[in-house]
Every structure is written in C-alpha cells, then in structure tokens.
C-alpha cells in the first residue's frame, strides 16, 4: 500500500512549509559559515586589540620619560605587568630600538633580544603579525615610541593563539545556542504570520488569488487616466498603461526609484513630496500633465498614489484662446484710437482745414501700412506674419515698440510639415509676451524680433530681444523651469510660458538659449533644425 502525504491546499499552508525549511537552512548555513570564519575573525579582532594597546602604550608620556632614564626596566616592568592585566592581552614587551627587551611577562627574558620582526617599526611604522615567540604562537602588534621626532623605543603587545582559539570556541557555542533560539522563534513567527495570511486571503488557494489578480489587472489597464503607485521607499510599485504612456516609462519599471526615472525635476519633486498635491501642472518632454498625489498612510508612511491627466491639447487651445483674447483687446484699443483719429479729421474739416485733415489721416495710414509692409516683407510665412502683426498691436497698446530686424527673412512654404504652425506660435508668441513684459521697464521700451533661416544645418532661427532689466546669469538655467518667474504669481501661477517654449523646442530637436543683449536686456534665441530639401 502506497502512503500519500496530503499537500496543504491553501497558500498560507504552502508558505508555512517553505518558510520553515528556509529558516532551518539559513540558520544551519550561518552556523557552518561562522564555524569556518570565526577563527579568522577572532584573529583579526585580536590583532586590532593588540595594536590599540601597543599604540596607547607608545603614546603614554610616562613611557617616554622612563625611556630617558638610565634603567628603563625599573619603571617600565611594573607598568607593563599592570597594562597586561588590565587590557586582557597576554604580553606587553617594551624594548630599545635594537630589540633588547626592557620588559617581559617572564623576568628572565628581560635583557634578551626580541623574537620577531621589528624592521618596519624601527622605520616608524606599525604592523601586526602572527609569530611563534617565547610564549608560543601569538598575534602581536609592534609600534614605535617617538620622542622629538625620532624612534627611541619599540612596543609589542600580543595575544596567544591558544587564547584566540578558546574565544572562537566560546563564540561558536554561543552561536549554536542563538541559532537554536532563532530557529524556534522563526518557526513560531512563521506560524503566526501564516495564520494571519490565511485570514487575509480568506483561505483562498493560489488559483483563486490568481483569478482575483487577473480581474484587478484588467480593471487597472482599462482606465485611460495615468495611475502611478509608489511604495514607502519611493519605488514604483504599480503603473498602468496610461501612466507608462504619459511619462514615457519602459515596461520593466517596477521597483525602480522614482528619482531614477529621468522625469523633469519639478515632477519628480511632486511625486516625492510628503504632502498631497492637487491639480498641479507639470511638463514632460512632450506633454503637459495635471498631477494629483495622495500619501498612503496607516500609522506610518506606506507610499504615494499619483494620478496623471494629459492636458497638452487643452493647454494649447487655452494658449490660442489667450492669444485671441489679446487680439480682441488690441482690436478694441485700435478701434478706440481710430474713432479718436476720425473725430480729429472731422473736426479739422469743420474748422476749414481740409489740407491738414488729409495730411493727418494720410500719416496715420502710412504708419500702419509701413508696419504691415515691414512684417510681410520680412516674414511671408502667413501664420508668423499674422502673429507678429497681432503682437505688435498688443505691444503698442502697452506702450512697447515691436520691430522686426532688418536681417529677418522667412519665405512662405519654407518650413517643413514636421514643424507645425502651432508650435511656432507657442515658441515665438511666448517669447514675445515675455519680452514685452520685460521691456515695459526699459528705456526705450522696445522688443526686436528676428526670424530667418540659415543654410548651415539648415535651421530656423527665432530671436527675441528686449530692453528690459535682463536675466541674472545665475538664473540662466532656471529661467526655463516650470514655475520660475520674476513677476508676482497670479491665481493660476506663473512661469509656464518659457517652460512651454523649451518643451516645444526640445521636441523638435532644437536648442534654446538666453544671453545678455548688446544694449542691455535679455536675448532669447531658439534654433530649430529644418528637414533636408529633397
């Protein structure tokens, strides 16, 4: 008849058996390892103890004074016997530089040569060795006694190998007792843990738990919003498909610290923060994300749950809406100014000064047409030309002159399809808005825009220069960070415009720099590579 031993059906029972065997193997392995390594460790410890005692004796002022006397043995022998008794070493030998003993546990050996190596100590060094001397094999340390910069004596302290072996045996017996206690405690602890696990899993077996996990994974990945969970050590514990896509994470990201994910520093700081974050806007290489974080705690910090929403398109539409609102305000202002000028012309005609009325109206038309002709002649790309005309009207309303540099030249249909007009509006529009804000405090308040292509590369160069206070060189690297601004923050915060500019530039493989302008102020320059012509 064949006897079959029933296997535990629940997961808790299987884990109990595995853990009990694992604890027994670990304890037995530790005891075996200690048996072979404890002797070496005991010798190392004895060497360190002997060296510490020898150095302490060599540094004692009373030893240096005794060395200077005609009969050093008279004072040093009682001192060496006392130190030997108090420090637990087996011998302390003090000798002259030639190796002739002044002290020894056996008085008959005083005056005889030291048995061992002393050359390194005579040269000023300290060393330890295992040597068979008068008292048998011992681990000893030898160090020099210095007086006025020269070696006047040598000190050797040692512990016999027999004593070291005794210590190792005592430690091994103690270890075996601890190992037996650890095995017993481990078995009891394993039983308690597995009993608790059985309660938490409701007695389910591995198949049932696997099925619950499959349902959990299916529900998790069906959510399109990004979800990121960090453990108590800020490592990725869970991330769904949406989170991987929004953050650009690889598939094997579980267990990686969030600081090693290569995310932008502000976003990393938000994920590492101990306090909750609500609807914070953060930028990655190609997206604008709204981040919410909530710490998971139960008496102690257990991790963080973060949700991510992609608002890149919404942010772009918001920027376009802000631009349209700006254009509307500019048109309203221009309409008001046009009404004032029309009233002026009518009044001049009523006063019988028709020629002056014609001259006044013609001058205004010529001025407006000159600006339009300048922009269109320099930048025939319709989207950028319209942007510059609108920004010029906005700047004029705020008392800032916006001019296009003479070396600007950008023809229509020159830009490749990989460089969409929306990104150009984001880059140039935000740079101009930032420059207009800065130029309001300049003398004269002026913003100069350069837009041209360079054959080398080829590449598109967009440069915006203002006459404001400029950018502190210490902040040159921080000016493009999300949230950095020299202006007071509004209800929605500040510092997003230049961060969006950098995001768009880097997305197209370009470079963005800031420098001091030739006449003061700041000069922002974006260089975007263009596709090679067919």
Protein backbone atom coordinates (compact mmCIF):
# COMPACT_ATOMS: atom_id res chain seq x y z
CA UNK A 1 0.00 0.00 0.00
CA UNK A 2 1.39 3.37 -1.03
CA UNK A 3 1.20 6.14 1.56
CA UNK A 4 0.43 9.59 0.16
CA UNK A 5 1.16 12.68 2.24
CA UNK A 6 -1.50 15.34 1.59
CA UNK A 7 -0.11 18.70 0.47
CA UNK A 8 -1.51 21.88 2.03
CA UNK A 9 -4.28 23.23 -0.14
CA UNK A 10 -4.20 26.86 0.97
CA UNK A 11 -1.49 29.32 0.03
CA UNK A 12 -0.80 30.05 3.70
CA UNK A 13 -0.09 26.37 4.41
CA UNK A 14 2.32 26.11 1.49
CA UNK A 15 4.14 29.25 2.58
CA UNK A 16 4.44 27.93 6.13
CA UNK A 17 6.24 24.80 4.94
CA UNK A 18 8.53 26.75 2.64
CA UNK A 19 9.40 29.35 5.29
CA UNK A 20 10.10 26.72 7.96
CA UNK A 21 12.54 24.91 5.66
CA UNK A 22 14.11 28.22 4.60
CA UNK A 23 14.71 29.31 8.19
CA UNK A 24 16.31 25.97 9.05
CA UNK A 25 18.62 26.15 6.03
CA UNK A 26 19.60 29.77 6.76
CA UNK A 27 20.36 29.05 10.41
CA UNK A 28 22.37 25.93 9.59
CA UNK A 29 24.27 27.74 6.86
CA UNK A 30 25.06 30.64 9.17
CA UNK A 31 26.38 28.31 11.83
CA UNK A 32 28.54 26.45 9.32
CA UNK A 33 29.89 29.67 7.86
CA UNK A 34 30.67 31.03 11.32
CA UNK A 35 32.46 27.83 12.25
CA UNK A 36 34.96 28.34 9.44
CA UNK A 37 35.19 32.11 9.57
CA UNK A 38 35.09 32.76 13.30
CA UNK A 39 38.73 31.75 13.79
CA UNK A 40 39.87 34.30 11.24
CA UNK A 41 37.59 36.94 12.71
CA UNK A 42 38.92 36.23 16.18
CA UNK A 43 42.49 36.64 14.93
CA UNK A 44 41.60 39.93 13.26
CA UNK A 45 39.93 41.17 16.43
CA UNK A 46 42.94 40.10 18.49
CA UNK A 47 45.24 41.95 16.09
CA UNK A 48 43.19 45.12 16.40
CA UNK A 49 43.12 44.82 20.19
CA UNK A 50 46.88 44.26 20.38
CA UNK A 51 47.55 47.20 18.05
CA UNK A 52 45.31 49.51 20.10
CA UNK A 53 47.11 48.54 23.32
CA UNK A 54 50.57 48.95 21.74
CA UNK A 55 49.70 52.39 20.35
CA UNK A 56 48.27 53.53 23.68
CA UNK A 57 51.48 52.49 25.49
CA UNK A 58 53.67 54.16 22.87
CA UNK A 59 51.74 57.42 23.24
CA UNK A 60 51.94 57.46 27.05
CA UNK A 61 54.18 60.32 28.37
CA UNK A 62 55.30 58.15 31.31
CA UNK A 63 56.78 55.62 28.86
CA UNK A 64 58.78 58.29 27.02
CA UNK A 65 60.08 59.62 30.38
CA UNK A 66 61.10 56.12 31.53
CA UNK A 67 62.97 55.50 28.26
CA UNK A 68 65.18 58.52 29.02
CA UNK A 69 66.28 57.11 32.42
CA UNK A 70 69.47 55.05 32.82
CA UNK A 71 67.43 51.96 33.89
CA UNK A 72 64.10 51.92 31.96
CA UNK A 73 63.25 48.41 33.25
CA UNK A 74 62.78 49.63 36.80
CA UNK A 75 59.82 51.80 35.81
CA UNK A 76 58.53 50.03 32.73
CA UNK A 77 58.30 46.41 34.00
CA UNK A 78 55.66 47.14 36.69
CA UNK A 79 53.80 49.35 34.19
CA UNK A 80 53.80 46.58 31.54
CA UNK A 81 52.56 43.97 34.04
CA UNK A 82 49.71 46.29 35.09
CA UNK A 83 48.70 47.04 31.48
CA UNK A 84 48.79 43.32 30.63
CA UNK A 85 46.42 42.57 33.47
CA UNK A 86 44.02 45.48 32.77
CA UNK A 87 43.73 45.23 28.95
CA UNK A 88 43.33 41.47 28.51
CA UNK A 89 46.42 40.94 26.34
CA UNK A 90 48.85 38.11 27.11
CA UNK A 91 52.06 40.10 27.00
CA UNK A 92 53.47 43.61 26.66
CA UNK A 93 57.11 43.93 25.69
CA UNK A 94 58.91 47.29 25.62
CA UNK A 95 62.37 47.25 24.04
CA UNK A 96 65.07 49.56 22.78
CA UNK A 97 65.37 50.27 19.01
CA UNK A 98 67.82 47.38 18.69
CA UNK A 99 65.23 44.91 20.03
CA UNK A 100 66.70 44.32 23.53
CA UNK A 101 63.81 43.75 25.95
CA UNK A 102 63.21 46.10 28.86
CA UNK A 103 60.01 44.29 29.93
CA UNK A 104 58.60 40.76 29.60
CA UNK A 105 55.98 38.61 31.40
CA UNK A 106 58.86 36.27 32.32
CA UNK A 107 61.52 38.40 34.09
CA UNK A 108 64.24 36.00 32.96
CA UNK A 109 63.74 37.14 29.34
CA UNK A 110 64.49 40.79 30.18
CA UNK A 111 67.70 41.93 28.50
CA UNK A 112 67.46 39.33 25.73
CA UNK A 113 66.68 40.10 22.05
CA UNK A 114 63.02 40.29 20.98
CA UNK A 115 61.90 37.28 18.92
CA UNK A 116 60.03 38.66 15.93
CA UNK A 117 60.27 41.26 13.19
CA UNK A 118 60.92 44.88 14.16
CA UNK A 119 62.31 46.44 10.97
CA UNK A 120 59.07 48.20 9.96
CA UNK A 121 58.58 49.53 13.48
CA UNK A 122 62.16 50.84 13.60
CA UNK A 123 61.38 52.70 10.37
CA UNK A 124 58.42 54.38 12.06
CA UNK A 125 55.55 52.08 11.02
CA UNK A 126 53.03 49.97 12.93
CA UNK A 127 52.17 46.41 11.89
CA UNK A 128 50.63 43.16 13.15
CA UNK A 129 51.81 39.59 12.56
CA UNK A 130 51.37 36.02 13.76
CA UNK A 131 54.68 34.75 15.14
CA UNK A 132 55.91 31.97 17.40
CA UNK A 133 57.88 33.60 20.17
CA UNK A 134 58.94 32.81 23.71
CA UNK A 135 55.34 32.26 24.86
CA UNK A 136 54.36 30.25 21.77
CA UNK A 137 52.30 31.29 18.70
CA UNK A 138 50.68 34.68 19.15
CA UNK A 139 49.10 37.57 17.22
CA UNK A 140 51.21 40.59 18.03
CA UNK A 141 51.44 44.27 17.10
CA UNK A 142 54.67 46.28 17.07
CA UNK A 143 54.75 50.10 17.06
CA UNK A 144 57.46 52.72 17.69
CA UNK A 145 57.78 55.16 20.59
CA UNK A 146 58.65 58.61 19.23
CA UNK A 147 60.32 61.34 21.22
CA UNK A 148 61.18 64.57 19.49
CA UNK A 149 60.64 63.11 16.03
CA UNK A 150 62.94 60.07 16.46
CA UNK A 151 62.24 56.46 17.44
CA UNK A 152 63.54 55.89 20.99
CA UNK A 153 61.86 52.54 21.78
CA UNK A 154 59.54 49.85 20.44
CA UNK A 155 56.37 48.41 21.99
CA UNK A 156 54.91 44.98 21.22
CA UNK A 157 51.58 43.73 22.57
CA UNK A 158 50.12 40.33 21.74
CA UNK A 159 47.52 37.65 22.40
CA UNK A 160 48.37 33.95 22.27
CA UNK A 161 46.77 31.85 19.52
CA UNK A 162 45.63 29.37 22.17
CA UNK A 163 43.59 32.13 23.82
CA UNK A 164 42.14 33.12 20.43
CA UNK A 165 41.06 29.53 19.76
CA UNK A 166 39.37 29.44 23.15
CA UNK A 167 37.47 32.61 22.32
CA UNK A 168 36.39 31.15 18.97
CA UNK A 169 35.08 28.00 20.64
CA UNK A 170 33.14 30.05 23.18
CA UNK A 171 31.65 32.17 20.39
CA UNK A 172 30.71 29.07 18.41
CA UNK A 173 28.88 27.57 21.38
CA UNK A 174 27.06 30.83 21.93
CA UNK A 175 26.18 30.99 18.22
CA UNK A 176 24.73 27.50 18.26
CA UNK A 177 22.53 28.47 21.18
CA UNK A 178 21.39 31.63 19.40
CA UNK A 179 20.79 29.65 16.19
CA UNK A 180 18.60 27.17 18.03
CA UNK A 181 16.64 30.02 19.60
CA UNK A 182 16.33 31.78 16.22
CA UNK A 183 15.03 28.59 14.63
CA UNK A 184 12.42 28.23 17.34
CA UNK A 185 11.38 31.90 17.19
CA UNK A 186 11.33 31.78 13.40
CA UNK A 187 9.09 28.75 13.37
CA UNK A 188 6.67 30.36 15.82
CA UNK A 189 6.77 33.65 13.91
CA UNK A 190 6.18 31.87 10.63
CA UNK A 191 3.17 30.09 12.06
CA UNK A 192 1.73 33.39 13.37
CA UNK A 193 2.35 35.21 10.09
CA UNK A 194 0.82 32.46 8.02
CA UNK A 195 -2.19 32.27 10.31
CA UNK A 196 -2.69 35.98 9.71
CA UNK A 197 -2.13 35.49 5.98
CA UNK A 198 -4.77 32.76 5.98
CA UNK A 199 -7.23 35.24 7.50
CA UNK A 200 -6.36 37.96 4.97
CA UNK A 201 -6.64 35.64 1.97
CA UNK A 202 -9.85 34.14 3.38
CA UNK A 203 -8.35 30.69 2.93
CA UNK A 204 -8.13 31.08 -0.85
CA UNK A 205 -5.71 28.92 -2.74
CA UNK A 206 -3.24 30.09 -5.39
CA UNK A 207 -5.66 29.63 -8.30
CA UNK A 208 -8.31 31.76 -6.68
CA UNK A 209 -5.83 34.51 -5.84
CA UNK A 210 -4.53 34.39 -9.41
CA UNK A 211 -8.03 34.87 -10.76
CA UNK A 212 -8.61 37.87 -8.48
CA UNK A 213 -5.30 39.35 -9.65
CA UNK A 214 -6.32 38.94 -13.30
CA UNK A 215 -9.55 40.85 -12.67
CA UNK A 216 -7.56 43.57 -10.89
CA UNK A 217 -5.10 43.92 -13.76
CA UNK A 218 -7.88 44.06 -16.36
CA UNK A 219 -9.70 46.81 -14.46
CA UNK A 220 -6.46 48.73 -13.88
CA UNK A 221 -5.36 48.81 -17.51
CA UNK A 222 -8.86 49.66 -18.74
CA UNK A 223 -8.52 53.07 -17.06
CA UNK A 224 -7.08 55.57 -19.56
CA UNK A 225 -6.03 58.08 -16.92
CA UNK A 226 -2.46 57.60 -15.76
CA UNK A 227 -2.06 55.86 -12.41
CA UNK A 228 1.26 55.56 -10.57
CA UNK A 229 1.78 53.96 -7.15
CA UNK A 230 4.99 54.32 -5.13
CA UNK A 231 5.95 52.28 -2.10
CA UNK A 232 7.31 53.68 1.16
CA UNK A 233 10.83 53.92 -0.32
CA UNK A 234 9.58 55.90 -3.33
CA UNK A 235 9.96 53.00 -5.77
CA UNK A 236 7.45 52.25 -8.50
CA UNK A 237 5.07 49.63 -7.10
CA UNK A 238 2.44 49.80 -9.84
CA UNK A 239 1.83 51.75 -13.04
CA UNK A 240 -0.89 51.27 -15.62
CA UNK A 241 -0.67 51.61 -19.40
CA UNK A 242 -1.83 55.22 -19.30
CA UNK A 243 0.88 56.14 -16.80
CA UNK A 244 3.60 54.48 -18.90
CA UNK A 245 2.45 56.34 -21.98
CA UNK A 246 2.16 59.76 -20.33
CA UNK A 247 5.53 59.52 -18.58
CA UNK A 248 7.35 57.62 -21.33
CA UNK A 249 8.31 54.77 -18.99
CA UNK A 250 9.70 51.39 -20.12
CA UNK A 251 7.91 48.11 -19.43
CA UNK A 252 10.36 46.96 -16.70
CA UNK A 253 9.96 50.00 -14.46
CA UNK A 254 8.59 48.24 -11.37
CA UNK A 255 10.92 48.55 -8.38
CA UNK A 256 12.84 51.48 -9.87
CA UNK A 257 13.18 54.56 -7.58
CA UNK A 258 11.19 57.49 -8.89
CA UNK A 259 14.35 59.64 -8.78
CA UNK A 260 15.91 57.32 -11.42
CA UNK A 261 13.04 57.55 -13.92
CA UNK A 262 14.53 60.54 -15.73
CA UNK A 263 11.47 62.72 -15.17
CA UNK A 264 11.74 66.54 -15.01
CA UNK A 265 12.91 67.70 -11.56
CA UNK A 266 9.66 69.58 -10.68
CA UNK A 267 7.58 66.47 -11.48
CA UNK A 268 9.96 64.25 -9.51
CA UNK A 269 9.72 66.65 -6.56
CA UNK A 270 5.92 66.49 -6.66
CA UNK A 271 5.97 62.68 -6.61
CA UNK A 272 8.47 62.67 -3.71
CA UNK A 273 6.56 65.25 -1.66
CA UNK A 274 5.13 64.08 1.64
CA UNK A 275 2.12 66.39 1.42
CA UNK A 276 -0.73 65.96 -1.11
CA UNK A 277 -0.56 67.83 -4.41
CA UNK A 278 -3.82 68.93 -6.06
CA UNK A 279 -4.16 69.75 -9.79
CA UNK A 280 -0.54 70.78 -10.27
CA UNK A 281 0.55 71.45 -13.85
CA UNK A 282 3.86 69.80 -14.86
CA UNK A 283 5.67 69.46 -18.15
CA UNK A 284 7.44 66.43 -19.58
CA UNK A 285 9.39 66.31 -22.82
CA UNK A 286 6.24 66.36 -24.95
CA UNK A 287 3.21 66.70 -22.67
CA UNK A 288 1.50 68.98 -20.19
CA UNK A 289 0.19 66.93 -17.26
CA UNK A 290 -2.11 67.68 -14.35
CA UNK A 291 -0.80 65.75 -11.34
CA UNK A 292 -2.63 64.82 -8.14
CA UNK A 293 -0.85 62.91 -5.37
CA UNK A 294 -2.10 61.44 -2.12
CA UNK A 295 0.11 59.75 0.51
CA UNK A 296 -0.98 56.30 1.68
CA UNK A 297 -0.52 56.00 5.44
CA UNK A 298 -1.65 53.79 8.24
CA UNK A 299 0.33 54.81 11.28
CA UNK A 300 3.40 55.21 9.07
CA UNK A 301 4.10 56.23 5.50
CA UNK A 302 3.34 53.35 3.14
CA UNK A 303 3.62 55.05 -0.22
CA UNK A 304 2.02 57.50 -2.62
CA UNK A 305 -0.76 57.26 -5.21
CA UNK A 306 -0.49 59.68 -8.14
CA UNK A 307 -2.98 60.29 -10.94
CA UNK A 308 -1.95 61.90 -14.23
CA UNK A 309 -4.17 63.67 -16.78
CA UNK A 310 -2.95 64.77 -20.19
CA UNK A 311 -3.95 68.38 -20.87
CA UNK A 312 -1.49 69.07 -23.68
CA UNK A 313 -4.18 69.81 -26.25
CA UNK A 314 -6.23 71.73 -23.69
CA UNK A 315 -3.20 73.84 -22.78
CA UNK A 316 -2.51 74.57 -26.46
CA UNK A 317 -6.14 75.58 -27.01
CA UNK A 318 -6.01 77.73 -23.88
CA UNK A 319 -2.92 79.47 -25.23
CA UNK A 320 -4.61 80.08 -28.55
CA UNK A 321 -7.68 81.42 -26.73
CA UNK A 322 -5.49 83.79 -24.71
CA UNK A 323 -3.91 84.99 -27.95
CA UNK A 324 -7.36 85.56 -29.47
CA UNK A 325 -8.40 87.49 -26.39
CA UNK A 326 -5.26 89.58 -26.72
CA UNK A 327 -6.02 90.25 -30.37
CA UNK A 328 -9.57 91.22 -29.42
CA UNK A 329 -8.34 93.67 -26.81
CA UNK A 330 -5.85 95.07 -29.30
CA UNK A 331 -8.58 95.49 -31.95
CA UNK A 332 -10.81 97.16 -29.37
CA UNK A 333 -7.99 99.53 -28.48
CA UNK A 334 -7.26 100.23 -32.15
CA UNK A 335 -10.95 100.84 -32.80
CA UNK A 336 -10.98 103.35 -29.96
CA UNK A 337 -7.88 105.06 -31.35
CA UNK A 338 -9.35 105.03 -34.86
CA UNK A 339 -12.51 106.70 -33.54
CA UNK A 340 -10.38 109.40 -31.90
CA UNK A 341 -8.46 109.98 -35.12
CA UNK A 342 -11.69 110.09 -37.14
CA UNK A 343 -13.11 112.69 -34.79
CA UNK A 344 -9.90 114.66 -35.21
CA UNK A 345 -10.18 114.54 -39.01
CA UNK A 346 -13.87 115.59 -38.91
CA UNK A 347 -13.07 118.43 -36.54
CA UNK A 348 -10.27 119.68 -38.82
CA UNK A 349 -12.64 119.62 -41.81
CA UNK A 350 -15.32 121.51 -39.82
CA UNK A 351 -12.69 124.12 -38.97
CA UNK A 352 -11.98 124.56 -42.65
CA UNK A 353 -8.55 122.96 -42.51
CA UNK A 354 -9.08 120.23 -45.08
CA UNK A 355 -5.45 120.02 -46.12
CA UNK A 356 -4.31 119.42 -42.56
CA UNK A 357 -7.05 116.79 -42.16
CA UNK A 358 -5.83 114.96 -45.26
CA UNK A 359 -2.23 115.16 -44.07
CA UNK A 360 -3.12 113.83 -40.61
CA UNK A 361 -5.16 110.89 -41.99
CA UNK A 362 -2.53 110.03 -44.60
CA UNK A 363 0.23 109.96 -41.98
CA UNK A 364 -1.71 107.51 -39.82
CA UNK A 365 -2.41 105.26 -42.82
CA UNK A 366 1.21 105.35 -43.92
CA UNK A 367 2.40 104.44 -40.42
CA UNK A 368 0.09 101.42 -40.18
CA UNK A 369 0.85 100.33 -43.73
CA UNK A 370 4.59 100.68 -43.13
CA UNK A 371 4.41 98.26 -40.20
CA UNK A 372 2.40 95.77 -42.24
CA UNK A 373 4.74 96.07 -45.22
CA UNK A 374 7.78 95.58 -42.97
CA UNK A 375 6.40 92.43 -41.37
CA UNK A 376 5.12 90.89 -44.61
CA UNK A 377 8.33 91.70 -46.47
CA UNK A 378 10.47 90.09 -43.79
CA UNK A 379 8.23 87.16 -42.87
CA UNK A 380 5.97 85.92 -45.64
CA UNK A 381 5.02 82.82 -43.67
CA UNK A 382 1.33 83.73 -43.09
CA UNK A 383 0.98 82.29 -39.58
CA UNK A 384 4.07 84.05 -38.24
CA UNK A 385 3.24 87.27 -40.07
CA UNK A 386 -0.23 87.34 -38.55
CA UNK A 387 1.25 86.58 -35.13
CA UNK A 388 3.77 89.43 -35.41
CA UNK A 389 1.13 91.94 -36.50
CA UNK A 390 -1.14 90.95 -33.65
CA UNK A 391 1.69 91.06 -31.10
CA UNK A 392 2.80 94.45 -32.46
CA UNK A 393 -0.69 95.82 -31.79
CA UNK A 394 -0.70 94.33 -28.30
CA UNK A 395 2.75 95.74 -27.55
CA UNK A 396 1.77 99.17 -28.85
CA UNK A 397 -1.26 99.15 -26.55
CA UNK A 398 1.11 98.56 -23.60
CA UNK A 399 3.49 101.29 -24.70
CA UNK A 400 6.17 98.98 -26.16
CA UNK A 401 7.53 99.24 -29.70
CA UNK A 402 7.81 95.89 -31.50
CA UNK A 403 10.10 95.90 -34.53
CA UNK A 404 11.28 93.23 -36.94
CA UNK A 405 15.05 93.25 -37.54
CA UNK A 406 16.45 94.04 -40.97
CA UNK A 407 18.09 90.63 -41.33
CA UNK A 408 14.79 88.76 -40.89
CA UNK A 409 13.81 86.67 -43.90
CA UNK A 410 11.39 83.75 -43.85
CA UNK A 411 9.65 82.74 -47.07
CA UNK A 412 6.28 81.04 -47.36
CA UNK A 413 6.18 77.23 -47.58
CA UNK A 414 9.81 77.03 -46.49
CA UNK A 415 9.03 75.33 -43.19
CA UNK A 416 8.67 71.52 -43.29
CA UNK A 417 5.49 69.69 -42.37
CA UNK A 418 7.25 68.30 -39.28
CA UNK A 419 7.29 71.84 -37.83
CA UNK A 420 3.58 72.70 -37.37
CA UNK A 421 2.48 76.36 -37.15
CA UNK A 422 1.02 75.75 -33.69
CA UNK A 423 4.48 75.03 -32.25
CA UNK A 424 5.90 78.14 -33.93
CA UNK A 425 3.12 80.23 -32.41
CA UNK A 426 3.86 78.66 -29.00
CA UNK A 427 7.59 79.44 -29.27
CA UNK A 428 7.51 82.93 -30.78
CA UNK A 429 4.31 84.06 -29.06
CA UNK A 430 5.52 83.22 -25.55
CA UNK A 431 8.95 84.73 -26.19
CA UNK A 432 7.37 87.97 -27.40
CA UNK A 433 4.93 88.10 -24.45
CA UNK A 434 7.81 87.59 -22.04
CA UNK A 435 9.89 90.28 -23.80
CA UNK A 436 7.03 92.81 -23.81
CA UNK A 437 6.56 92.33 -20.05
CA UNK A 438 10.28 92.93 -19.52
CA UNK A 439 10.58 95.86 -21.96
CA UNK A 440 7.93 97.94 -20.20
CA UNK A 441 10.58 98.96 -17.69
CA UNK A 442 13.23 99.66 -20.36
CA UNK A 443 14.35 102.90 -21.98
CA UNK A 444 13.26 102.95 -24.73
CA UNK A 445 10.63 100.20 -24.31
CA UNK A 446 11.37 98.11 -27.38
CA UNK A 447 11.24 94.47 -28.48
CA UNK A 448 13.18 93.31 -31.55
CA UNK A 449 12.18 90.10 -33.33
CA UNK A 450 14.41 88.19 -35.74
CA UNK A 451 13.09 85.30 -37.83
CA UNK A 452 15.32 83.85 -40.50
CA UNK A 453 16.70 80.61 -41.90
CA UNK A 454 20.38 79.74 -42.02
CA UNK A 455 21.75 77.42 -44.73
CA UNK A 456 24.14 75.73 -42.32
CA UNK A 457 22.14 72.90 -40.87
CA UNK A 458 19.74 74.12 -42.24
CA UNK A 459 17.91 75.61 -39.29
CA UNK A 460 15.29 78.19 -38.37
CA UNK A 461 16.46 80.97 -36.03
CA UNK A 462 13.92 82.82 -33.88
CA UNK A 463 15.45 85.57 -31.71
CA UNK A 464 13.58 87.97 -29.42
CA UNK A 465 15.49 90.80 -27.74
CA UNK A 466 14.13 93.30 -25.22
CA UNK A 467 15.42 96.43 -23.49
CA UNK A 468 14.37 95.38 -20.00
CA UNK A 469 16.43 94.56 -16.94
CA UNK A 470 17.83 91.34 -18.42
CA UNK A 471 18.30 87.94 -16.83
CA UNK A 472 20.72 87.30 -13.98
CA UNK A 473 23.43 84.90 -15.29
CA UNK A 474 22.94 82.86 -12.11
CA UNK A 475 19.35 82.19 -13.23
CA UNK A 476 20.16 81.37 -16.87
CA UNK A 477 19.49 77.66 -16.30
CA UNK A 478 16.43 78.22 -14.09
CA UNK A 479 14.56 80.68 -16.31
CA UNK A 480 13.09 77.86 -18.42
CA UNK A 481 11.91 75.82 -15.42
CA UNK A 482 8.19 75.45 -14.74
CA UNK A 483 7.13 77.94 -12.06
CA UNK A 484 10.20 80.25 -12.31
CA UNK A 485 9.32 83.92 -12.78
CA UNK A 486 10.47 87.34 -11.63
CA UNK A 487 6.87 88.58 -11.66
CA UNK A 488 4.30 88.03 -8.90
CA UNK A 489 2.21 84.93 -9.39
CA UNK A 490 -1.41 85.22 -10.42
CA UNK A 491 -4.24 82.93 -9.39
CA UNK A 492 -3.09 80.25 -11.85
CA UNK A 493 0.62 80.66 -11.13
CA UNK A 494 3.40 81.87 -13.41
CA UNK A 495 6.44 80.51 -15.15
CA UNK A 496 4.64 78.29 -17.67
CA UNK A 497 5.30 80.24 -20.88
CA UNK A 498 9.07 79.77 -21.15
CA UNK A 499 8.71 76.16 -19.97
CA UNK A 500 6.31 75.52 -22.87
CA UNK A 501 8.78 77.19 -25.22
CA UNK A 502 11.57 74.88 -24.11
CA UNK A 503 9.29 71.87 -24.37
CA UNK A 504 8.37 72.71 -27.97
CA UNK A 505 11.99 73.44 -28.94
CA UNK A 506 13.34 70.23 -27.45
CA UNK A 507 10.53 68.22 -29.02
CA UNK A 508 11.84 69.26 -32.45
CA UNK A 509 15.49 68.64 -31.55
CA UNK A 510 16.38 72.33 -31.27
CA UNK A 511 18.22 74.50 -28.76
CA UNK A 512 17.04 77.39 -26.61
CA UNK A 513 19.44 79.90 -25.03
CA UNK A 514 19.28 83.21 -23.20
CA UNK A 515 22.03 85.82 -23.16
CA UNK A 516 22.54 89.49 -22.41
CA UNK A 517 21.58 91.77 -25.31
CA UNK A 518 24.13 94.19 -26.76
CA UNK A 519 22.22 97.21 -25.44
CA UNK A 520 21.07 95.65 -22.20
CA UNK A 521 18.07 93.45 -21.61
CA UNK A 522 17.74 89.79 -22.49
CA UNK A 523 18.06 87.99 -25.81
CA UNK A 524 16.26 84.66 -26.20
CA UNK A 525 17.22 82.55 -29.21
CA UNK A 526 15.58 79.35 -30.44
CA UNK A 527 17.21 77.28 -33.19
CA UNK A 528 15.09 74.60 -34.84
CA UNK A 529 16.55 72.15 -37.40
CA UNK A 530 14.83 72.03 -40.79
CA UNK A 531 14.43 68.93 -42.91
CA UNK A 532 16.96 68.45 -45.72
CA UNK A 533 15.49 69.56 -49.08
CA UNK A 534 14.56 66.77 -51.48
